[in-house]
C-alpha atoms as a PDB file:
ATOM      1  CA  MET A   1       4.821  -9.891  19.210  1.00  0.00           C
ATOM      2  CA  LYS A   2       6.350  -6.745  17.767  1.00  0.00           C
ATOM      3  CA  SER A   3       4.302  -4.241  15.804  1.00  0.00           C
ATOM      4  CA  PHE A   4       5.767  -2.611  12.698  1.00  0.00           C
ATOM      5  CA  ALA A   5       2.902  -0.374  11.575  1.00  0.00           C
ATOM      6  CA  LEU A   6       1.866   3.102  12.599  1.00  0.00           C
ATOM      7  CA  HIS A   7      -0.523   3.494  15.545  1.00  0.00           C
ATOM      8  CA  ASP A   8      -4.047   4.833  15.345  1.00  0.00           C
ATOM      9  CA  SER A   9      -5.459   7.785  17.274  1.00  0.00           C
ATOM     10  CA  ARG A  10      -5.853   5.587  20.367  1.00  0.00           C
ATOM     11  CA  ASN A  11      -2.251   4.342  20.070  1.00  0.00           C
ATOM     12  CA  ILE A  12      -3.290   0.895  18.820  1.00  0.00           C
ATOM     13  CA  PRO A  13      -0.969  -0.503  16.111  1.00  0.00           C
ATOM     14  CA  LEU A  14      -2.676  -0.800  12.744  1.00  0.00           C
ATOM     15  CA  ASP A  15      -1.216  -4.264  12.125  1.00  0.00           C
ATOM     16  CA  TYR A  16      -2.667  -5.526  15.422  1.00  0.00           C
ATOM     17  CA  LYS A  17      -6.070  -4.176  14.387  1.00  0.00           C
ATOM     18  CA  LEU A  18      -5.820  -5.844  10.981  1.00  0.00           C
ATOM     19  CA  ASP A  19      -4.838  -9.136  12.587  1.00  0.00           C
ATOM     20  CA  ASN A  20      -7.883  -8.991  14.846  1.00  0.00           C
ATOM     21  CA  ILE A  21     -10.185  -8.455  11.859  1.00  0.00           C
ATOM     22  CA  ILE A  22      -8.655 -10.803   9.280  1.00  0.00           C
ATOM     23  CA  GLN A  23      -7.766 -13.665  11.672  1.00  0.00           C
ATOM     24  CA  LYS A  24      -5.906 -15.803   9.163  1.00  0.00           C
ATOM     25  CA  ASN A  25      -2.635 -17.701   9.043  1.00  0.00           C
ATOM     26  CA  GLU A  26      -0.624 -18.311   5.847  1.00  0.00           C
ATOM     27  CA  GLY A  27      -2.334 -15.582   3.863  1.00  0.00           C
ATOM     28  CA  PHE A  28      -1.126 -13.462   0.956  1.00  0.00           C
ATOM     29  CA  PHE A  29      -0.504  -9.716   0.849  1.00  0.00           C
ATOM     30  CA  ILE A  30       0.526  -6.968  -1.545  1.00  0.00           C
ATOM     31  CA  GLU A  31       2.093  -3.796  -0.164  1.00  0.00           C
ATOM     32  CA  LEU A  32       2.857  -0.736  -2.284  1.00  0.00           C
ATOM     33  CA  GLY A  33       5.039   1.861  -0.628  1.00  0.00           C
ATOM     34  CA  ALA A  34       6.871  -0.933   1.179  1.00  0.00           C
ATOM     35  CA  ASN A  35       9.752   1.307   2.294  1.00  0.00           C
ATOM     36  CA  ASP A  36      12.482  -0.850   3.906  1.00  0.00           C
ATOM     37  CA  GLY A  37       9.987  -3.632   4.658  1.00  0.00           C
ATOM     38  CA  LEU A  38       9.926  -2.922   8.386  1.00  0.00           C
ATOM     39  CA  ASP A  39       9.419   0.753   9.211  1.00  0.00           C
ATOM     40  CA  GLN A  40       5.702   1.594   9.106  1.00  0.00           C
ATOM     41  CA  SER A  41       4.960  -1.719   7.380  1.00  0.00           C
ATOM     42  CA  ASN A  42       1.387  -3.011   7.445  1.00  0.00           C
ATOM     43  CA  THR A  43       2.452  -6.511   6.356  1.00  0.00           C
ATOM     44  CA  ALA A  44       5.668  -7.409   8.230  1.00  0.00           C
ATOM     45  CA  PHE A  45       3.658  -8.598  11.239  1.00  0.00           C
ATOM     46  CA  PHE A  46       1.783 -11.074   9.050  1.00  0.00           C
ATOM     47  CA  GLU A  47       4.943 -12.411   7.412  1.00  0.00           C
ATOM     48  CA  PHE A  48       6.841 -12.870  10.679  1.00  0.00           C
ATOM     49  CA  TYR A  49       4.064 -14.041  13.000  1.00  0.00           C
ATOM     50  CA  ARG A  50       1.262 -15.427  10.830  1.00  0.00           C
ATOM     51  CA  GLY A  51       3.196 -17.206   8.074  1.00  0.00           C
ATOM     52  CA  TRP A  52       2.006 -14.962   5.248  1.00  0.00           C
ATOM     53  CA  LYS A  53       3.833 -14.371   1.986  1.00  0.00           C
ATOM     54  CA  GLY A  54       3.365 -11.714  -0.631  1.00  0.00           C
ATOM     55  CA  ILE A  55       4.654  -9.002  -2.919  1.00  0.00           C
ATOM     56  CA  LEU A  56       6.338  -5.800  -1.768  1.00  0.00           C
ATOM     57  CA  ILE A  57       6.754  -2.886  -4.173  1.00  0.00           C
ATOM     58  CA  GLU A  58       9.013   0.088  -3.450  1.00  0.00           C
ATOM     59  CA  PRO A  59      10.200   2.624  -6.057  1.00  0.00           C
ATOM     60  CA  SER A  60      13.160   3.964  -4.060  1.00  0.00           C
ATOM     61  CA  ARG A  61      16.204   1.895  -5.030  1.00  0.00           C
ATOM     62  CA  GLU A  62      17.812   2.360  -1.626  1.00  0.00           C
ATOM     63  CA  LYS A  63      14.690   1.302   0.266  1.00  0.00           C
ATOM     64  CA  TYR A  64      14.085  -1.549  -2.186  1.00  0.00           C
ATOM     65  CA  GLU A  65      17.523  -3.012  -1.441  1.00  0.00           C
ATOM     66  CA  GLN A  66      16.888  -2.733   2.298  1.00  0.00           C
ATOM     67  CA  CYS A  67      13.502  -4.369   1.827  1.00  0.00           C
ATOM     68  CA  CYS A  68      15.103  -7.304  -0.009  1.00  0.00           C
ATOM     69  CA  ALA A  69      17.358  -7.891   3.000  1.00  0.00           C
ATOM     70  CA  ASN A  70      14.595  -7.478   5.575  1.00  0.00           C
ATOM     71  CA  ARG A  71      11.787  -9.508   3.978  1.00  0.00           C
ATOM     72  CA  LEU A  72      13.298 -12.775   2.804  1.00  0.00           C
ATOM     73  CA  ASN A  73      10.021 -14.679   2.436  1.00  0.00           C
ATOM     74  CA  SER A  74       8.382 -12.206   0.078  1.00  0.00           C
ATOM     75  CA  ILE A  75       8.805 -11.105  -3.520  1.00  0.00           C
ATOM     76  CA  VAL A  76      10.284  -7.587  -3.547  1.00  0.00           C
ATOM     77  CA  GLN A  77      10.133  -5.435  -6.677  1.00  0.00           C
ATOM     78  CA  ASN A  78      11.498  -2.006  -7.631  1.00  0.00           C
ATOM     79  CA  TYR A  79       8.675  -0.441  -9.668  1.00  0.00           C
ATOM     80  CA  ALA A  80       6.411   2.581  -9.764  1.00  0.00           C
ATOM     81  CA  CYS A  81       2.857   1.378 -10.324  1.00  0.00           C
ATOM     82  CA  VAL A  82       0.735   3.400 -12.744  1.00  0.00           C
ATOM     83  CA  ASP A  83      -2.714   3.373 -14.332  1.00  0.00           C
ATOM     84  CA  ASN A  84      -3.614   1.750 -17.640  1.00  0.00           C
ATOM     85  CA  ASN A  85      -3.246   4.988 -19.592  1.00  0.00           C
ATOM     86  CA  TYR A  86       0.271   5.852 -18.483  1.00  0.00           C
ATOM     87  CA  PRO A  87       2.160   6.381 -21.768  1.00  0.00           C
ATOM     88  CA  GLU A  88       5.775   5.760 -20.749  1.00  0.00           C
ATOM     89  CA  TYR A  89       7.877   2.794 -19.655  1.00  0.00           C
ATOM     90  CA  HIS A  90       9.442   4.714 -16.781  1.00  0.00           C
ATOM     91  CA  VAL A  91       8.358   7.226 -14.150  1.00  0.00           C
ATOM     92  CA  LEU A  92      10.589  10.190 -13.395  1.00  0.00           C
ATOM     93  CA  GLY A  93      10.151  10.980  -9.730  1.00  0.00           C
ATOM     94  CA  ASP A  94      11.530  11.808  -6.317  1.00  0.00           C
ATOM     95  CA  PHE A  95      12.339   8.299  -5.149  1.00  0.00           C
ATOM     96  CA  ASN A  96      15.766   8.615  -3.533  1.00  0.00           C
ATOM     97  CA  GLY A  97      15.383   7.671   0.081  1.00  0.00           C
ATOM     98  CA  ASN A  98      12.118   9.481   0.843  1.00  0.00           C
ATOM     99  CA  LEU A  99       9.796   7.507   3.074  1.00  0.00           C
ATOM    100  CA  MET A 100       6.786   6.402   1.012  1.00  0.00           C
ATOM    101  CA  SER A 101       8.171   7.977  -2.133  1.00  0.00           C
ATOM    102  CA  SER A 102       6.257  10.467  -4.245  1.00  0.00           C
ATOM    103  CA  VAL A 103       5.648  10.366  -7.980  1.00  0.00           C
ATOM    104  CA  ASN A 104       6.586  12.922 -10.633  1.00  0.00           C
ATOM    105  CA  GLY A 105       8.727  14.997  -8.290  1.00  0.00           C
ATOM    106  CA  SER A 106       5.778  16.640  -6.565  1.00  0.00           C
ATOM    107  CA  ARG A 107       7.612  17.226  -3.280  1.00  0.00           C
ATOM    108  CA  LEU A 108       8.881  20.751  -2.665  1.00  0.00           C
ATOM    109  CA  ASN A 109      12.283  19.534  -1.470  1.00  0.00           C
ATOM    110  CA  VAL A 110      13.178  17.559  -4.584  1.00  0.00           C
ATOM    111  CA  VAL A 111      16.949  17.306  -4.963  1.00  0.00           C
ATOM    112  CA  GLU A 112      17.279  14.634  -7.626  1.00  0.00           C
ATOM    113  CA  LEU A 113      14.782  12.961  -9.921  1.00  0.00           C
ATOM    114  CA  VAL A 114      15.329   9.311 -10.760  1.00  0.00           C
ATOM    115  CA  SER A 115      13.811   7.046 -13.402  1.00  0.00           C
ATOM    116  CA  VAL A 116      11.958   3.952 -12.178  1.00  0.00           C
ATOM    117  CA  PRO A 117      10.322   1.254 -14.350  1.00  0.00           C
ATOM    118  CA  ALA A 118       6.571   1.741 -14.662  1.00  0.00           C
ATOM    119  CA  ILE A 119       4.046  -1.083 -14.484  1.00  0.00           C
ATOM    120  CA  THR A 120       0.367  -1.523 -13.725  1.00  0.00           C
ATOM    121  CA  LEU A 121      -0.442  -3.526 -10.639  1.00  0.00           C
ATOM    122  CA  GLU A 122      -2.429  -5.925 -12.818  1.00  0.00           C
ATOM    123  CA  ASN A 123       0.564  -6.691 -15.026  1.00  0.00           C
ATOM    124  CA  LEU A 124       2.787  -7.156 -12.019  1.00  0.00           C
ATOM    125  CA  LEU A 125       0.339  -9.659 -10.534  1.00  0.00           C
ATOM    126  CA  ASP A 126       0.145 -11.453 -13.882  1.00  0.00           C
ATOM    127  CA  TRP A 127       3.902 -11.993 -13.649  1.00  0.00           C
ATOM    128  CA  TYR A 128       4.298 -12.875  -9.993  1.00  0.00           C
ATOM    129  CA  THR A 129       1.155 -14.747  -8.961  1.00  0.00           C
ATOM    130  CA  THR A 130      -0.490 -17.954 -10.095  1.00  0.00           C
ATOM    131  CA  PRO A 131      -4.076 -18.107 -11.424  1.00  0.00           C
ATOM    132  CA  GLY A 132      -6.606 -18.132  -8.629  1.00  0.00           C
ATOM    133  CA  GLN A 133      -4.272 -16.595  -6.050  1.00  0.00           C
ATOM    134  CA  VAL A 134      -6.311 -15.295  -3.112  1.00  0.00           C
ATOM    135  CA  ILE A 135      -5.179 -11.804  -2.115  1.00  0.00           C
ATOM    136  CA  ASP A 136      -6.029 -11.332   1.532  1.00  0.00           C
ATOM    137  CA  LEU A 137      -4.676  -7.806   1.982  1.00  0.00           C
ATOM    138  CA  LEU A 138      -3.695  -4.946  -0.300  1.00  0.00           C
ATOM    139  CA  SER A 139      -1.865  -2.144   1.512  1.00  0.00           C
ATOM    140  CA  LEU A 140      -1.486   1.142  -0.369  1.00  0.00           C
ATOM    141  CA  ASP A 141       0.587   4.037   0.966  1.00  0.00           C
ATOM    142  CA  THR A 142       1.936   5.904  -2.042  1.00  0.00           C
ATOM    143  CA  GLU A 143       1.643   9.570  -1.095  1.00  0.00           C
ATOM    144  CA  GLY A 144      -1.392  10.542  -3.121  1.00  0.00           C
ATOM    145  CA  TYR A 145      -0.958   8.172  -6.050  1.00  0.00           C
ATOM    146  CA  GLU A 146      -3.376   5.553  -4.733  1.00  0.00           C
ATOM    147  CA  LEU A 147      -6.209   6.107  -7.232  1.00  0.00           C
ATOM    148  CA  PRO A 148      -4.112   5.683 -10.407  1.00  0.00           C
ATOM    149  CA  ILE A 149      -2.694   2.479  -8.929  1.00  0.00           C
ATOM    150  CA  LEU A 150      -6.196   1.167  -8.246  1.00  0.00           C
ATOM    151  CA  ARG A 151      -7.208   2.064 -11.790  1.00  0.00           C
ATOM    152  CA  GLY A 152      -4.330  -0.069 -13.026  1.00  0.00           C
ATOM    153  CA  LEU A 153      -5.851  -3.167 -11.405  1.00  0.00           C
ATOM    154  CA  ASN A 154      -8.742  -5.196 -12.821  1.00  0.00           C
ATOM    155  CA  LEU A 155     -10.787  -5.788  -9.665  1.00  0.00           C
ATOM    156  CA  ASN A 156     -12.792  -8.505 -11.375  1.00  0.00           C
ATOM    157  CA  LYS A 157      -9.607 -10.453 -12.065  1.00  0.00           C
ATOM    158  CA  TYR A 158      -7.661  -9.710  -8.871  1.00  0.00           C
ATOM    159  CA  ARG A 159      -9.879  -8.974  -5.909  1.00  0.00           C
ATOM    160  CA  PRO A 160      -8.225  -8.238  -2.557  1.00  0.00           C
ATOM    161  CA  ARG A 161     -10.388  -9.289   0.367  1.00  0.00           C
ATOM    162  CA  TYR A 162      -9.223  -6.324   2.444  1.00  0.00           C
ATOM    163  CA  MET A 163      -7.619  -3.051   1.392  1.00  0.00           C
ATOM    164  CA  LEU A 164      -5.901  -0.633   3.756  1.00  0.00           C
ATOM    165  CA  ILE A 165      -5.383   2.617   1.869  1.00  0.00           C
ATOM    166  CA  GLU A 166      -3.848   5.906   2.919  1.00  0.00           C
ATOM    167  CA  ILE A 167      -6.179   8.529   1.461  1.00  0.00           C
ATOM    168  CA  TYR A 168      -5.576  12.251   1.251  1.00  0.00           C
ATOM    169  CA  LYS A 169      -8.574  14.486   1.868  1.00  0.00           C
ATOM    170  CA  LYS A 170      -8.514  15.806  -1.693  1.00  0.00           C
ATOM    171  CA  ASP A 171      -8.860  12.241  -3.056  1.00  0.00           C
ATOM    172  CA  PHE A 172     -11.290  10.826  -0.497  1.00  0.00           C
ATOM    173  CA  TYR A 173     -14.591  10.969  -2.386  1.00  0.00           C
ATOM    174  CA  GLU A 174     -13.110   9.843  -5.679  1.00  0.00           C
ATOM    175  CA  ILE A 175     -11.388   6.804  -4.170  1.00  0.00           C
ATOM    176  CA  VAL A 176     -14.371   5.831  -2.034  1.00  0.00           C
ATOM    177  CA  SER A 177     -16.744   6.187  -5.004  1.00  0.00           C
ATOM    178  CA  PHE A 178     -14.427   4.102  -7.165  1.00  0.00           C
ATOM    179  CA  LEU A 179     -14.277   1.255  -4.645  1.00  0.00           C
ATOM    180  CA  LEU A 180     -17.983   1.373  -3.823  1.00  0.00           C
ATOM    181  CA  SER A 181     -18.684   1.015  -7.548  1.00  0.00           C
ATOM    182  CA  HIS A 182     -16.618  -2.190  -7.450  1.00  0.00           C
ATOM    183  CA  ASN A 183     -18.622  -3.661  -4.551  1.00  0.00           C
ATOM    184  CA  TYR A 184     -16.310  -2.811  -1.685  1.00  0.00           C
ATOM    185  CA  LEU A 185     -17.501  -1.557   1.681  1.00  0.00           C
ATOM    186  CA  LEU A 186     -15.828   1.260   3.578  1.00  0.00           C
ATOM    187  CA  HIS A 187     -15.271  -0.440   6.926  1.00  0.00           C
ATOM    188  CA  SER A 188     -13.765   2.448   8.886  1.00  0.00           C
ATOM    189  CA  ASN A 189     -11.366   5.315   9.197  1.00  0.00           C
ATOM    190  CA  PHE A 190      -8.686   2.970  10.479  1.00  0.00           C
ATOM    191  CA  SER A 191      -6.164   5.463  11.814  1.00  0.00           C
ATOM    192  CA  ASN A 192      -8.743   8.136  12.703  1.00  0.00           C
ATOM    193  CA  TYR A 193      -6.213  10.887  13.287  1.00  0.00           C
ATOM    194  CA  SER A 194      -7.372  14.336  14.294  1.00  0.00           C
ATOM    195  CA  LEU A 195      -5.665  17.417  15.642  1.00  0.00           C
ATOM    196  CA  THR A 196      -7.284  16.690  18.999  1.00  0.00           C
ATOM    197  CA  THR A 197      -5.828  13.196  19.354  1.00  0.00           C
ATOM    198  CA  ASN A 198      -2.653  13.811  17.327  1.00  0.00           C
ATOM    199  CA  PRO A 199      -1.562  17.461  17.626  1.00  0.00           C
ATOM    200  CA  HIS A 200       1.408  16.924  15.297  1.00  0.00           C
ATOM    201  CA  TRP A 201      -0.728  15.393  12.523  1.00  0.00           C
ATOM    202  CA  ASP A 202      -0.528  17.429   9.324  1.00  0.00           C
ATOM    203  CA  GLY A 203      -4.269  17.151   8.721  1.00  0.00           C
ATOM    204  CA  THR A 204      -3.998  15.845   5.173  1.00  0.00           C
ATOM    205  CA  HIS A 205      -4.744  12.120   5.280  1.00  0.00           C
ATOM    206  CA  ASN A 206      -5.913   9.019   7.139  1.00  0.00           C
ATOM    207  CA  ASP A 207      -5.804   5.269   6.568  1.00  0.00           C
ATOM    208  CA  TYR A 208      -9.103   3.639   5.575  1.00  0.00           C
ATOM    209  CA  LEU A 209     -10.073  -0.021   5.540  1.00  0.00           C
ATOM    210  CA  PHE A 210     -12.215  -1.441   2.732  1.00  0.00           C
ATOM    211  CA  ILE A 211     -13.718  -4.946   2.627  1.00  0.00           C
ATOM    212  CA  ASP A 212     -14.931  -6.946  -0.356  1.00  0.00           C
ATOM    213  CA  LYS A 213     -18.711  -7.311  -0.052  1.00  0.00           C
ATOM    214  CA  ASN A 214     -18.475 -10.913  -1.237  1.00  0.00           C
ATOM    215  CA  ILE A 215     -16.447 -12.312   1.659  1.00  0.00           C
END
């Protein structure tokens, strides 16, 4: 079976590791920062080999269109997810073709800013899921915008069983504190990159797995 995700510091694919932990067929996922649906995807393995379905969200129009073609069994949406206090209906950002697009044009190499519809993750789930939908996995890789997205989700109403989140060092304690306060456990540093094991790593982030205490 083919892996689609990045590999951890020991060269083990992250989707293989998730599969070993979750051990479920016909589950349901949400992936934000879906890219083209294949490259560096944490959910493609589950759709293709475990019969899962879900929702893929990608703000880059180009990558969104590729994702629609690559992930036929999932709902694919072209949005930028925001927190509950975001005042506008659109986000102006650097979304044109950049892998795991950034928000508000924060990249140094911005060439063109594009406008993408804004939505909270909670509202999106209200539209595209049925009441009582079990969310087995939430994958977040949104280049530093993970915490506002989490704040736009009512975790009492929609409660992912597992969350795999790319976290930048500057956001680590705030995100972990937020999820601990909502009764999630920090399972592990899932990618566990370091300059010793990954000399080309930029040193800014890792992927962390959180588990709902109630499962």
